[in-house]
Protein backbone atom coordinates (compact mmCIF):
# COMPACT_ATOMS: atom_id res chain seq x y z
CA MET A 1 5.98 -12.67 -38.18
CA ALA A 2 6.32 -9.45 -36.20
CA ASN A 3 6.02 -9.53 -32.40
CA VAL A 4 3.92 -6.44 -32.02
CA ALA A 5 2.05 -5.54 -28.61
CA ARG A 6 -0.75 -3.22 -28.91
CA ALA A 7 -0.21 -1.47 -25.36
CA ALA A 8 -2.32 1.32 -23.78
CA LEU A 9 -2.02 4.20 -21.36
CA VAL A 10 -4.48 6.49 -19.34
CA GLN A 11 -4.02 9.96 -18.31
CA ALA A 12 -6.65 11.00 -16.10
CA THR A 13 -8.16 14.61 -14.10
CA TRP A 14 -9.19 13.54 -10.87
CA THR A 15 -12.76 12.89 -10.50
CA GLY A 16 -13.33 13.37 -6.80
CA ASP A 17 -13.86 10.24 -5.40
CA THR A 18 -12.75 6.64 -5.41
CA GLU A 19 -15.19 5.03 -7.17
CA SER A 20 -15.79 7.15 -9.85
CA MET A 21 -12.58 7.74 -10.47
CA VAL A 22 -12.25 3.48 -10.65
CA ALA A 23 -15.23 3.28 -12.94
CA LYS A 24 -13.63 5.80 -15.26
CA HIS A 25 -10.61 4.17 -15.71
CA GLU A 26 -13.16 0.83 -16.27
CA ALA A 27 -14.53 2.24 -19.42
CA HIS A 28 -10.87 4.11 -20.74
CA ALA A 29 -9.79 0.04 -20.45
CA ARG A 30 -12.95 -1.12 -22.06
CA GLU A 31 -12.16 0.97 -25.10
CA ALA A 32 -8.42 0.02 -25.41
CA ALA A 33 -10.28 -3.53 -25.75
CA ARG A 34 -12.43 -2.69 -28.16
CA GLN A 35 -9.33 -1.13 -30.25
CA GLY A 36 -7.26 -4.51 -30.10
CA ALA A 37 -5.07 -3.69 -27.06
CA LYS A 38 -3.38 -6.54 -24.79
CA ILE A 39 -1.86 -4.04 -21.97
CA ILE A 40 -3.05 -0.92 -20.39
CA GLY A 41 -1.38 1.11 -17.75
CA PHE A 42 -2.66 3.39 -15.53
CA GLN A 43 -1.40 6.70 -13.54
CA GLU A 44 0.37 7.02 -10.09
CA VAL A 45 -2.29 6.41 -7.72
CA PHE A 46 -4.79 6.14 -9.94
CA ASN A 47 -8.11 5.94 -7.82
CA ALA A 48 -7.19 8.66 -5.52
CA PRO A 49 -5.80 12.62 -5.58
CA TYR A 50 -2.55 13.04 -6.00
CA PHE A 51 -3.13 13.63 -1.73
CA CYS A 52 0.99 13.86 -1.36
CA GLN A 53 1.00 17.66 -2.10
CA VAL A 54 -0.03 18.14 1.43
CA GLN A 55 0.75 16.12 4.74
CA GLU A 56 -2.32 15.35 6.26
CA PRO A 57 -3.08 12.04 8.37
CA GLU A 58 -6.51 11.78 6.97
CA HIS A 59 -4.82 10.94 3.69
CA TYR A 60 -3.87 7.46 5.13
CA ARG A 61 -7.65 6.83 3.85
CA TRP A 62 -6.76 5.62 0.27
CA ALA A 63 -4.31 2.67 1.30
CA GLU A 64 -5.74 -0.69 0.84
CA SER A 65 -4.00 -4.26 0.19
CA VAL A 66 -2.01 -5.09 -2.25
CA PRO A 67 -3.68 -7.82 -3.94
CA ASP A 68 -6.44 -8.48 -1.47
CA GLY A 69 -8.29 -4.82 -1.75
CA PRO A 70 -10.89 -4.05 -3.21
CA THR A 71 -9.22 -1.79 -5.93
CA VAL A 72 -6.87 -4.37 -7.29
CA ARG A 73 -9.43 -7.14 -7.06
CA ARG A 74 -12.15 -5.07 -9.21
CA MET A 75 -8.71 -4.79 -12.06
CA GLN A 76 -8.37 -8.69 -11.77
CA GLU A 77 -11.70 -9.06 -13.05
CA LEU A 78 -11.68 -5.80 -15.66
CA ALA A 79 -8.46 -8.27 -16.86
CA ARG A 80 -10.11 -11.52 -17.18
CA GLU A 81 -13.14 -9.47 -18.69
CA THR A 82 -11.28 -7.47 -21.21
CA GLY A 83 -8.43 -10.03 -22.41
CA MET A 84 -5.46 -7.34 -20.95
CA VAL A 85 -2.63 -7.17 -18.94
CA ILE A 86 -3.53 -4.51 -16.23
CA VAL A 87 -0.92 -2.11 -14.13
CA VAL A 88 -2.25 -0.82 -11.40
CA PRO A 89 -1.00 1.71 -9.55
CA VAL A 90 -1.90 2.51 -5.91
CA PHE A 91 -1.60 3.43 -2.01
CA GLU A 92 -0.66 0.15 -0.51
CA VAL A 93 -0.70 -0.39 2.93
CA GLU A 94 1.55 -4.15 4.07
CA GLN A 95 0.27 -3.91 7.91
CA THR A 96 -0.48 -0.51 10.08
CA GLY A 97 2.78 1.54 9.42
CA PHE A 98 3.99 0.24 6.73
CA TYR A 99 3.03 1.96 3.73
CA TYR A 100 4.39 1.74 -0.12
CA ASN A 101 3.52 3.64 -3.28
CA THR A 102 2.92 0.64 -5.58
CA ALA A 103 1.72 -1.28 -9.21
CA ALA A 104 -0.18 -4.12 -9.07
CA VAL A 105 0.97 -6.16 -12.33
CA ILE A 106 -2.48 -8.56 -13.52
CA ASP A 107 -2.25 -10.85 -16.71
CA ALA A 108 -4.59 -11.19 -19.03
CA ASP A 109 -6.39 -13.77 -17.41
CA GLY A 110 -6.94 -12.25 -14.41
CA THR A 111 -3.63 -13.30 -12.41
CA PHE A 112 -2.25 -11.71 -10.04
CA LEU A 113 1.79 -11.54 -11.19
CA GLY A 114 2.99 -9.39 -8.68
CA LYS A 115 4.20 -6.07 -7.37
CA TYR A 116 6.52 -3.42 -7.70
CA ARG A 117 7.27 -0.40 -4.97
CA LYS A 118 8.39 2.66 -5.43
CA HIS A 119 12.15 2.63 -4.97
CA HIS A 120 12.93 6.60 -4.53
CA ILE A 121 10.68 8.70 -2.59
CA PRO A 122 10.50 12.70 -2.98
CA GLN A 123 10.59 14.96 -0.01
CA VAL A 124 10.12 18.12 -2.17
CA LYS A 125 7.23 21.06 -1.66
CA GLY A 126 4.64 19.82 -3.30
CA PHE A 127 5.89 16.15 -3.28
CA TRP A 128 5.78 15.73 0.37
CA GLU A 129 6.01 11.43 -0.27
CA LYS A 130 8.12 10.43 2.52
CA TYR A 131 5.39 11.61 5.11
CA TYR A 132 3.33 8.30 3.76
CA PHE A 133 5.73 6.10 2.14
CA LYS A 134 8.44 3.58 2.93
CA PRO A 135 11.15 3.30 0.09
CA GLY A 136 10.14 0.31 -2.09
CA ASN A 137 11.89 -3.08 -0.87
CA VAL A 138 10.70 -5.71 -3.61
CA GLY A 139 13.76 -5.45 -5.85
CA TRP A 140 13.30 -4.74 -9.78
CA PRO A 141 10.59 -7.46 -10.55
CA VAL A 142 10.40 -7.50 -14.59
CA PHE A 143 7.27 -9.88 -15.25
CA ASP A 144 5.90 -12.60 -17.93
CA THR A 145 2.80 -11.12 -19.13
CA ALA A 146 0.57 -12.41 -22.14
CA VAL A 147 2.10 -9.43 -24.19
CA GLY A 148 5.61 -9.96 -22.93
CA LYS A 149 8.27 -8.79 -20.28
CA VAL A 150 6.85 -5.75 -18.23
CA GLY A 151 8.61 -3.49 -15.58
CA VAL A 152 7.37 -0.62 -13.94
CA TYR A 153 8.77 2.37 -12.36
CA ILE A 154 7.40 4.90 -10.35
CA CYS A 155 7.44 8.93 -11.37
CA TYR A 156 10.73 10.24 -9.28
CA ASP A 157 12.49 6.68 -10.13
CA ARG A 158 12.41 7.82 -13.62
CA HIS A 159 15.47 10.29 -12.35
CA PHE A 160 17.49 7.24 -11.34
CA PRO A 161 19.58 5.42 -14.22
CA GLU A 162 20.09 2.35 -12.00
CA GLY A 163 16.30 1.05 -11.66
CA TRP A 164 15.92 1.85 -15.32
CA ARG A 165 19.46 -0.49 -16.05
CA GLN A 166 18.66 -3.16 -13.52
CA LEU A 167 14.86 -4.00 -15.27
CA GLY A 168 17.17 -4.14 -18.87
CA LEU A 169 19.05 -6.18 -16.99
CA ASN A 170 16.04 -8.67 -15.80
CA GLY A 171 14.60 -8.78 -19.27
CA ALA A 172 12.28 -5.73 -19.09
CA GLN A 173 11.27 -5.58 -22.97
CA LEU A 174 8.34 -2.80 -21.96
CA VAL A 175 8.63 -0.26 -18.80
CA TYR A 176 5.78 1.23 -17.65
CA ASN A 177 6.52 4.49 -15.60
CA PRO A 178 3.43 6.12 -14.03
CA SER A 179 3.62 9.22 -12.50
CA ALA A 180 1.95 12.75 -11.18
CA THR A 181 4.03 15.52 -12.00
CA SER A 182 3.56 19.14 -12.24
CA ARG A 183 4.36 21.91 -15.01
CA GLY A 184 6.70 24.05 -14.17
CA LEU A 185 8.75 21.98 -11.46
CA SER A 186 10.74 18.82 -14.19
CA ALA A 187 8.30 19.82 -17.37
CA HIS A 188 11.65 20.53 -19.61
CA LEU A 189 12.87 17.01 -18.73
CA TRP A 190 9.65 14.99 -18.95
CA GLN A 191 10.24 14.04 -22.91
CA LEU A 192 14.02 13.76 -22.31
CA GLU A 193 14.52 11.26 -19.52
CA GLN A 194 12.43 8.38 -20.51
CA PRO A 195 13.55 8.98 -24.42
CA ALA A 196 17.29 8.56 -22.77
CA ALA A 197 16.51 5.40 -20.46
CA ALA A 198 14.72 3.72 -23.09
CA VAL A 199 18.30 4.04 -25.58
CA ALA A 200 20.48 3.42 -22.60
CA ASN A 201 18.39 0.27 -22.09
CA GLU A 202 17.10 -0.56 -25.33
CA TYR A 203 12.98 -1.16 -24.82
CA PHE A 204 9.64 0.44 -25.33
CA VAL A 205 8.94 3.07 -22.10
CA ALA A 206 5.02 4.04 -21.58
CA ALA A 207 5.43 7.23 -19.51
CA ILE A 208 1.83 8.17 -17.89
CA ASN A 209 1.47 11.40 -16.02
CA ARG A 210 -1.99 12.96 -14.21
CA VAL A 211 -2.98 16.01 -16.06
CA GLY A 212 -5.64 19.18 -14.32
CA GLN A 213 -5.04 20.47 -10.85
CA GLU A 214 -6.79 18.94 -7.69
CA GLU A 215 -8.05 19.99 -4.38
CA TYR A 216 -5.25 19.86 -2.37
CA GLY A 217 -2.53 21.65 -4.06
CA ASP A 218 -1.74 23.84 -6.93
CA ASN A 219 0.23 21.03 -8.95
CA ASP A 220 -0.47 21.68 -12.27
CA PHE A 221 -0.03 18.02 -13.74
CA TYR A 222 0.46 18.42 -18.00
CA GLY A 223 -0.47 14.95 -19.11
CA THR A 224 1.69 14.84 -22.22
CA SER A 225 2.15 10.97 -21.97
CA TYR A 226 3.78 9.05 -24.38
CA PHE A 227 4.88 5.44 -25.92
CA VAL A 228 8.67 5.55 -26.61
CA ASP A 229 10.79 2.93 -28.73
CA PRO A 230 13.86 1.60 -27.60
CA ARG A 231 15.37 4.25 -30.00
CA GLY A 232 14.28 7.20 -28.04
CA GLN A 233 11.76 8.24 -30.79
CA PHE A 234 7.97 8.93 -29.53
CA VAL A 235 5.56 6.09 -30.69
CA GLY A 236 2.83 8.21 -32.15
CA GLU A 237 2.32 11.54 -30.90
CA ALA A 238 2.30 12.79 -26.97
CA ALA A 239 -1.26 13.03 -25.70
CA SER A 240 -2.97 16.71 -24.60
CA ASP A 241 -1.13 18.30 -22.28
CA LYS A 242 -4.28 19.49 -20.75
CA SER A 243 -7.27 16.75 -21.17
CA GLU A 244 -7.71 13.67 -20.67
CA GLU A 245 -6.74 11.09 -23.05
CA LEU A 246 -6.50 6.74 -23.89
CA VAL A 247 -3.86 6.47 -25.67
CA VAL A 248 -2.99 3.33 -28.08
CA ARG A 249 -0.12 2.54 -29.89
CA ASP A 250 2.07 -0.37 -31.50
CA LEU A 251 4.69 -1.48 -30.38
CA ASP A 252 7.38 -3.68 -32.33
CA PHE A 253 9.11 -6.35 -29.73
CA ASP A 254 11.12 -7.16 -32.63
CA LEU A 255 12.73 -3.49 -32.61
CA ILE A 256 14.51 -4.64 -29.38
CA GLU A 257 16.81 -7.31 -30.58
CA GLU A 258 17.53 -5.51 -34.11
CA VAL A 259 18.48 -1.96 -31.70
CA ARG A 260 20.40 -4.06 -29.35
CA GLN A 261 22.59 -5.65 -32.02
CA GLN A 262 23.37 -2.90 -34.11
CA TRP A 263 24.19 -0.59 -30.96
CA ALA A 264 25.21 -3.54 -28.64
CA PHE A 265 25.29 -1.70 -25.42
CA TYR A 266 25.07 -4.89 -23.26
CA ARG A 267 27.91 -6.58 -24.40
CA ASP A 268 29.87 -3.03 -23.82
CA ARG A 269 29.12 -2.42 -20.36
CA ARG A 270 31.90 -2.40 -17.45
CA PRO A 271 30.06 -3.91 -14.50
CA ASP A 272 33.54 -4.92 -13.01
CA ALA A 273 34.08 -1.31 -13.24
CA TYR A 274 31.37 0.13 -12.04
CA GLU A 275 32.01 -0.80 -7.67
CA GLY A 276 31.72 2.96 -7.03
CA LEU A 277 28.65 3.15 -7.87
CA VAL A 278 27.15 1.64 -5.16
CA GLN A 279 28.89 2.70 -2.31
CA PRO A 280 27.25 4.97 0.05
């Protein structure tokens, strides 16, 4: 019997407030569950606007504790209701002055499995993230979920191959990459980097982007979210570049073993020769 996981992702437009944004994602999750999905992931800081287009202290108000904050607790209830694993990206406050760009991973029974904190923090026009976030410090966790082994890599992280590889070495079968990336800045990379990472590391990737323009800047988030398999092939079509969309796809995890036996990239790695890669 094939080892198939029905997976979902959401690319969403900003509603204007947290309550309606979370409610909208709950509705998408319930629809995904109705379609048989067993895992779903949301976009970067899904319950807020992409406030990093500006550098203003008022935006620390979006931060909350993980896992004890209201959004993660609400998503735990949603996971129990729907029987789905949920990847929940939020703005985390650990304590005063310690803020992270984080994704919580919740199992299908509502159990909080842990969190990933974004490692690579950009500081360029329209993406002033160092103003808000400390670099991640919890490593590259892979979570043993009801659907399989799931990792997370967040937005700007995707430009750095080292984390993709560590997630593969840690056993990931599926990596969610929640993002907020703008048309013109890196659109030509969007359909290159994640498929390349899926090939190099021989697992599935869920690439999620916001869609539309928001109130704090000129960034035009172009959607086109998708799933890609270990051969670098899209699983179905990418989502719209202009409209909100729920994407549900069947991922055949047996393909991972098939590709790893055929291409054998892990067998032929040379970590003994890579010392220079980690020199500052």
